[in-house]
Amino acid sequence: MNVKDRRLIIVSGLSGAGKTVVLNTLEDLSYYTIDNLPLSLFNELIRQFSERAMGLAPLIAIGIDARNSRADLVSLPKRAKSLLNKHVLTELIFIDADDDTLTKRFSETRRKHPLSSDSLSLLDAIHKERELTLKIAQAADLRIDTSYLDLNGLRDIVCERIACREKTTLSLQIISFGYKNGIPRDADFVFDLRCLPNPYWKKHLRQFSGKDQPIIDFLSTQERVLQMLNDLGGFFERWIPQFESDDRSYLSIAFGCTGGQHRSVFVAEHLAEKLKKQDKQIIIRHRDL
């Protein structure tokens, strides 16, 4: 494995969002992992990694949490970007979840939030951690919202989008969702499909999803749906190559309807199939099915 094959994954995020699961999955996929690395040791690790000192593994994943100093956390994105000059392929991953989900997870496990104290409640600790890691979240190459993911779903994303992605290939995630459950926090583009005819109002169609033939047959005959598919197809055909030429590693596109059962699922499936025929690396996720 030569210099260009060295890869460093920096995993940060909110406590309880799933950072440990991500690191454990990467470890299972042959990464050497270090969790909760003090950023004061970051430069020494990179020196050894760059020089391949002491036989250090060519694939490394490190976990960074909010217990580092504010200055170190703010500077992390810049330090990660500077590694390009050392010919180290570096990706910054941020693991997120909404406040209600994080609160529920801590309550169920009875674990203590690392920033909570007698004077700082759990919710306040979550808000403080979110503020401390804001710059990292904004600069992340990939942001994963685990609010609606189970363990297997998160592991699949780590494998398909991170560990098994070809280094020069754009990983494209297509998400369907329902607005009644909120917009996905990790989406780069969000398209609102609530203007399209809604199969929900056809009682004989209500029980099906956008992956079932009765819904496919219904929506495929609607002029507005066909116009939307044509416009979206043209948009992606023109602009996805621009993201690829800009060395973008990850892109998430979300399609939403009211409940996330019919229109968004149908459109997501249709466009994913079209993009697969163009040899794009696609992962599709129906959040609310």
Protein backbone atom coordinates (compact mmCIF):
# COMPACT_ATOMS: atom_id res chain seq x y z
CA MET A 1 0.00 0.00 0.00
CA ASN A 2 1.60 3.26 -1.10
CA VAL A 3 1.41 6.77 0.32
CA LYS A 4 -1.74 7.64 -1.58
CA ASP A 5 -3.56 4.68 -0.04
CA ARG A 6 -3.30 6.00 3.50
CA ARG A 7 -6.64 7.06 4.84
CA LEU A 8 -7.65 8.85 8.02
CA ILE A 9 -11.28 9.02 9.13
CA ILE A 10 -12.00 11.59 11.86
CA VAL A 11 -15.29 10.82 13.58
CA SER A 12 -16.88 13.44 15.80
CA GLY A 13 -20.43 14.13 16.88
CA LEU A 14 -22.82 14.32 19.78
CA SER A 15 -22.60 11.89 22.68
CA GLY A 16 -25.20 9.17 22.27
CA ALA A 17 -25.56 9.76 18.52
CA GLY A 18 -23.54 6.68 17.56
CA LYS A 19 -19.87 7.65 17.26
CA THR A 20 -18.77 4.46 19.03
CA VAL A 21 -20.85 2.32 16.67
CA VAL A 22 -19.19 4.01 13.70
CA LEU A 23 -15.71 3.39 15.09
CA ASN A 24 -16.48 -0.23 16.00
CA THR A 25 -17.80 -0.84 12.48
CA LEU A 26 -14.69 0.68 10.92
CA GLU A 27 -12.55 -1.49 13.20
CA ASP A 28 -14.39 -4.56 11.92
CA LEU A 29 -13.52 -3.35 8.41
CA SER A 30 -9.76 -3.34 9.08
CA TYR A 31 -9.34 0.22 10.39
CA TYR A 32 -7.09 0.87 13.38
CA THR A 33 -9.37 2.88 15.67
CA ILE A 34 -8.71 5.25 18.56
CA ASP A 35 -11.67 6.68 20.45
CA ASN A 36 -11.71 9.93 22.41
CA LEU A 37 -8.25 11.01 21.25
CA PRO A 38 -7.10 14.17 23.07
CA LEU A 39 -6.45 16.72 20.35
CA SER A 40 -3.21 17.63 22.11
CA LEU A 41 -1.92 14.30 20.74
CA PHE A 42 -3.28 14.84 17.24
CA ASN A 43 -0.09 16.24 15.69
CA GLU A 44 2.05 13.40 17.02
CA LEU A 45 -0.39 10.82 15.67
CA ILE A 46 -0.35 12.48 12.25
CA ARG A 47 3.45 12.63 12.27
CA GLN A 48 3.66 8.91 12.87
CA PHE A 49 0.89 8.23 10.37
CA SER A 50 2.55 10.34 7.66
CA GLU A 51 5.94 8.75 8.21
CA ARG A 52 4.50 5.27 8.71
CA ALA A 53 6.45 5.21 11.98
CA MET A 54 6.38 2.08 14.10
CA GLY A 55 4.44 0.24 11.41
CA LEU A 56 1.34 2.34 12.01
CA ALA A 57 -1.64 1.01 10.07
CA PRO A 58 -2.47 2.69 6.71
CA LEU A 59 -6.18 2.89 7.61
CA ILE A 60 -6.95 4.79 10.81
CA ALA A 61 -10.15 6.12 12.35
CA ILE A 62 -10.11 8.40 15.39
CA GLY A 63 -12.95 9.59 17.57
CA ILE A 64 -13.03 13.17 18.84
CA ASP A 65 -15.50 14.37 21.45
CA ALA A 66 -16.39 17.69 23.07
CA ARG A 67 -14.19 17.19 26.14
CA ASN A 68 -11.32 18.81 24.24
CA SER A 69 -10.72 22.53 24.58
CA ARG A 70 -12.94 24.89 22.61
CA ALA A 71 -9.91 26.19 20.70
CA ASP A 72 -8.86 22.69 19.66
CA LEU A 73 -12.38 21.80 18.53
CA VAL A 74 -12.71 24.97 16.45
CA SER A 75 -9.34 24.38 14.79
CA LEU A 76 -9.96 20.71 13.98
CA PRO A 77 -11.49 21.25 10.48
CA LYS A 78 -8.52 23.38 9.43
CA ARG A 79 -6.05 20.85 10.81
CA ALA A 80 -7.83 18.03 8.99
CA LYS A 81 -7.77 19.95 5.71
CA SER A 82 -4.06 20.63 6.07
CA LEU A 83 -3.38 16.89 5.91
CA LEU A 84 -3.94 17.01 2.17
CA ASN A 85 -0.47 18.54 1.97
CA LYS A 86 0.86 15.40 3.63
CA HIS A 87 -0.81 13.20 0.99
CA VAL A 88 -3.16 11.66 3.52
CA LEU A 89 -6.74 11.08 2.37
CA THR A 90 -8.71 12.60 5.25
CA GLU A 91 -12.46 12.64 5.81
CA LEU A 92 -14.31 14.37 8.62
CA ILE A 93 -17.50 12.59 9.67
CA PHE A 94 -20.06 14.09 12.06
CA ILE A 95 -22.64 11.91 13.83
CA ASP A 96 -25.80 13.78 14.82
CA ALA A 97 -29.26 13.17 16.26
CA ASP A 98 -32.10 15.38 17.47
CA ASP A 99 -32.40 16.41 21.12
CA ASP A 100 -35.40 14.19 21.85
CA THR A 101 -33.61 11.10 20.52
CA LEU A 102 -30.45 11.82 22.50
CA THR A 103 -32.41 12.46 25.69
CA LYS A 104 -34.30 9.20 25.26
CA ARG A 105 -31.11 7.22 24.62
CA PHE A 106 -29.40 8.55 27.74
CA SER A 107 -32.53 7.89 29.80
CA GLU A 108 -32.81 4.31 28.52
CA THR A 109 -29.14 3.45 29.09
CA ARG A 110 -28.88 5.46 32.33
CA ARG A 111 -25.48 6.67 31.17
CA LYS A 112 -24.17 10.06 32.20
CA HIS A 113 -23.58 12.65 29.52
CA PRO A 114 -19.85 13.56 29.55
CA LEU A 115 -20.64 17.27 29.93
CA SER A 116 -23.46 17.02 32.45
CA SER A 117 -22.96 17.87 36.11
CA ASP A 118 -24.90 18.79 39.23
CA SER A 119 -25.32 22.28 37.81
CA LEU A 120 -25.90 21.26 34.16
CA SER A 121 -28.93 19.20 33.16
CA LEU A 122 -28.84 16.55 30.46
CA LEU A 123 -30.61 18.76 27.91
CA ASP A 124 -28.33 21.70 28.72
CA ALA A 125 -25.31 19.42 28.30
CA ILE A 126 -26.59 18.33 24.88
CA HIS A 127 -27.05 21.97 23.85
CA LYS A 128 -23.57 22.85 25.11
CA GLU A 129 -22.02 19.94 23.22
CA ARG A 130 -23.88 20.94 20.06
CA GLU A 131 -22.51 24.47 20.36
CA LEU A 132 -18.94 23.25 21.01
CA THR A 133 -18.95 20.98 17.96
CA LEU A 134 -20.78 23.37 15.62
CA LYS A 135 -17.71 24.21 13.51
CA ILE A 136 -16.95 20.53 13.05
CA ALA A 137 -20.53 19.78 12.01
CA GLN A 138 -20.49 22.62 9.49
CA ALA A 139 -17.18 21.51 7.96
CA ALA A 140 -17.90 17.76 7.90
CA ASP A 141 -17.52 15.87 4.63
CA LEU A 142 -20.37 13.63 5.73
CA ARG A 143 -23.02 14.26 8.36
CA ILE A 144 -25.07 11.26 9.51
CA ASP A 145 -28.34 11.80 11.35
CA THR A 146 -29.05 8.71 13.46
CA SER A 147 -32.40 9.89 14.85
CA TYR A 148 -34.29 7.36 12.72
CA LEU A 149 -31.54 4.75 12.35
CA ASP A 150 -31.14 1.47 14.22
CA LEU A 151 -27.74 -0.11 14.79
CA ASN A 152 -27.84 -2.21 11.63
CA GLY A 153 -28.87 0.78 9.54
CA LEU A 154 -25.97 2.85 10.86
CA ARG A 155 -23.51 0.01 10.27
CA ASP A 156 -24.75 -0.34 6.69
CA ILE A 157 -24.18 3.36 6.04
CA VAL A 158 -20.66 3.20 7.47
CA CYS A 159 -19.83 0.22 5.28
CA GLU A 160 -21.45 1.40 2.05
CA ARG A 161 -20.73 5.13 2.22
CA ILE A 162 -17.41 5.31 4.08
CA ALA A 163 -15.32 2.15 4.28
CA CYS A 164 -16.30 0.55 0.96
CA ARG A 165 -16.48 3.73 -1.11
CA GLU A 166 -13.95 4.02 -3.90
CA LYS A 167 -11.69 6.90 -2.92
CA THR A 168 -12.39 8.92 -6.08
CA THR A 169 -16.11 8.15 -6.24
CA LEU A 170 -18.97 10.35 -5.05
CA SER A 171 -21.18 8.48 -2.57
CA LEU A 172 -24.75 9.56 -3.29
CA GLN A 173 -27.46 8.94 -0.70
CA ILE A 174 -31.12 9.33 -1.68
CA ILE A 175 -33.62 9.64 1.17
CA SER A 176 -37.40 9.64 1.19
CA PHE A 177 -39.13 11.15 4.20
CA GLY A 178 -42.37 12.56 5.56
CA TYR A 179 -42.56 16.22 6.54
CA LYS A 180 -44.77 15.30 9.51
CA ASN A 181 -41.67 13.70 11.07
CA GLY A 182 -39.29 16.52 10.22
CA ILE A 183 -36.69 17.16 7.53
CA PRO A 184 -33.56 14.92 7.56
CA ARG A 185 -30.76 16.80 9.28
CA ASP A 186 -28.08 15.32 7.03
CA ALA A 187 -29.57 16.27 3.65
CA ASP A 188 -27.67 18.54 1.25
CA PHE A 189 -30.68 18.99 -1.07
CA VAL A 190 -34.33 18.77 -0.01
CA PHE A 191 -37.13 18.58 -2.59
CA ASP A 192 -40.73 19.09 -1.53
CA LEU A 193 -43.11 16.77 -3.41
CA ARG A 194 -46.30 17.74 -1.60
CA CYS A 195 -47.45 19.57 -4.74
CA LEU A 196 -47.91 16.22 -6.52
CA PRO A 197 -51.16 14.20 -6.53
CA ASN A 198 -51.45 12.28 -3.27
CA PRO A 199 -52.39 8.56 -3.48
CA TYR A 200 -53.35 8.71 0.20
CA TRP A 201 -56.71 10.21 -0.81
CA LYS A 202 -57.49 7.13 -2.90
CA LYS A 203 -58.72 4.70 -0.25
CA HIS A 204 -57.83 1.62 -2.29
CA LEU A 205 -54.23 2.86 -2.55
CA ARG A 206 -53.68 4.04 1.01
CA GLN A 207 -52.33 0.71 2.28
CA PHE A 208 -49.52 0.57 -0.28
CA SER A 209 -46.15 2.31 -0.43
CA GLY A 210 -44.34 4.00 -3.30
CA LYS A 211 -42.47 0.73 -3.93
CA ASP A 212 -45.70 -1.18 -4.66
CA GLN A 213 -47.08 -1.56 -8.18
CA PRO A 214 -50.51 0.05 -7.54
CA ILE A 215 -48.81 3.30 -6.41
CA ILE A 216 -46.29 3.10 -9.26
CA ASP A 217 -49.11 2.67 -11.77
CA PHE A 218 -51.10 5.57 -10.32
CA LEU A 219 -48.23 8.08 -10.09
CA SER A 220 -46.77 7.10 -13.46
CA THR A 221 -49.93 8.36 -15.17
CA GLN A 222 -49.97 11.78 -13.47
CA GLU A 223 -48.73 14.61 -15.68
CA ARG A 224 -47.33 16.66 -12.80
CA VAL A 225 -45.38 13.65 -11.53
CA LEU A 226 -43.87 13.05 -14.97
CA GLN A 227 -42.91 16.72 -15.24
CA MET A 228 -41.28 16.61 -11.80
CA LEU A 229 -39.30 13.47 -12.67
CA ASN A 230 -38.14 15.05 -15.92
CA ASP A 231 -37.06 18.28 -14.22
CA LEU A 232 -35.27 16.48 -11.37
CA GLY A 233 -33.56 14.13 -13.79
CA GLY A 234 -32.24 17.06 -15.81
CA PHE A 235 -31.08 18.86 -12.66
CA PHE A 236 -29.07 15.89 -11.40
CA GLU A 237 -27.71 15.05 -14.85
CA ARG A 238 -26.28 18.55 -15.06
CA TRP A 239 -25.12 19.20 -11.50
CA ILE A 240 -23.96 15.90 -9.98
CA PRO A 241 -20.95 15.83 -12.33
CA GLN A 242 -20.06 19.30 -11.03
CA PHE A 243 -19.90 17.95 -7.47
CA GLU A 244 -17.79 15.03 -8.69
CA SER A 245 -15.36 17.33 -10.50
CA ASP A 246 -15.04 19.37 -7.29
CA ASP A 247 -13.77 16.24 -5.49
CA ARG A 248 -16.88 16.01 -3.35
CA SER A 249 -16.98 12.71 -1.46
CA TYR A 250 -20.57 12.64 -0.24
CA LEU A 251 -23.92 14.04 -1.31
CA SER A 252 -27.35 13.43 0.27
CA ILE A 253 -30.57 14.25 -1.58
CA ALA A 254 -33.91 14.06 0.23
CA PHE A 255 -37.41 13.88 -1.23
CA GLY A 256 -40.30 14.65 1.08
CA CYS A 257 -44.06 14.26 1.00
CA THR A 258 -46.57 14.48 3.82
CA GLY A 259 -46.14 11.04 5.38
CA GLY A 260 -43.10 9.65 3.57
CA GLN A 261 -45.02 6.62 2.29
CA HIS A 262 -46.05 7.25 -1.31
CA ARG A 263 -44.84 10.17 -3.45
CA SER A 264 -41.41 10.60 -1.89
CA VAL A 265 -40.72 6.85 -2.00
CA PHE A 266 -41.80 6.59 -5.64
CA VAL A 267 -39.68 9.53 -6.78
CA ALA A 268 -36.65 8.40 -4.75
CA GLU A 269 -36.82 4.90 -6.23
CA HIS A 270 -37.28 6.21 -9.77
CA LEU A 271 -34.35 8.62 -9.64
CA ALA A 272 -32.09 6.14 -7.83
CA GLU A 273 -32.66 3.62 -10.59
CA LYS A 274 -31.92 6.23 -13.24
CA LEU A 275 -28.69 7.27 -11.52
CA LYS A 276 -27.56 3.66 -11.07
CA LYS A 277 -27.75 3.27 -14.85
CA GLN A 278 -25.25 6.14 -15.03
CA ASP A 279 -22.84 4.10 -12.85
CA LYS A 280 -23.35 6.28 -9.78
CA GLN A 281 -22.69 4.79 -6.35
CA ILE A 282 -26.13 4.96 -4.72
CA ILE A 283 -27.49 4.15 -1.29
CA ILE A 284 -31.24 4.64 -0.91
CA ARG A 285 -32.99 5.01 2.44
CA HIS A 286 -36.72 5.29 3.04
CA ARG A 287 -36.70 6.91 6.45
CA ASP A 288 -40.39 6.69 7.30
CA LEU A 289 -41.41 3.39 5.73
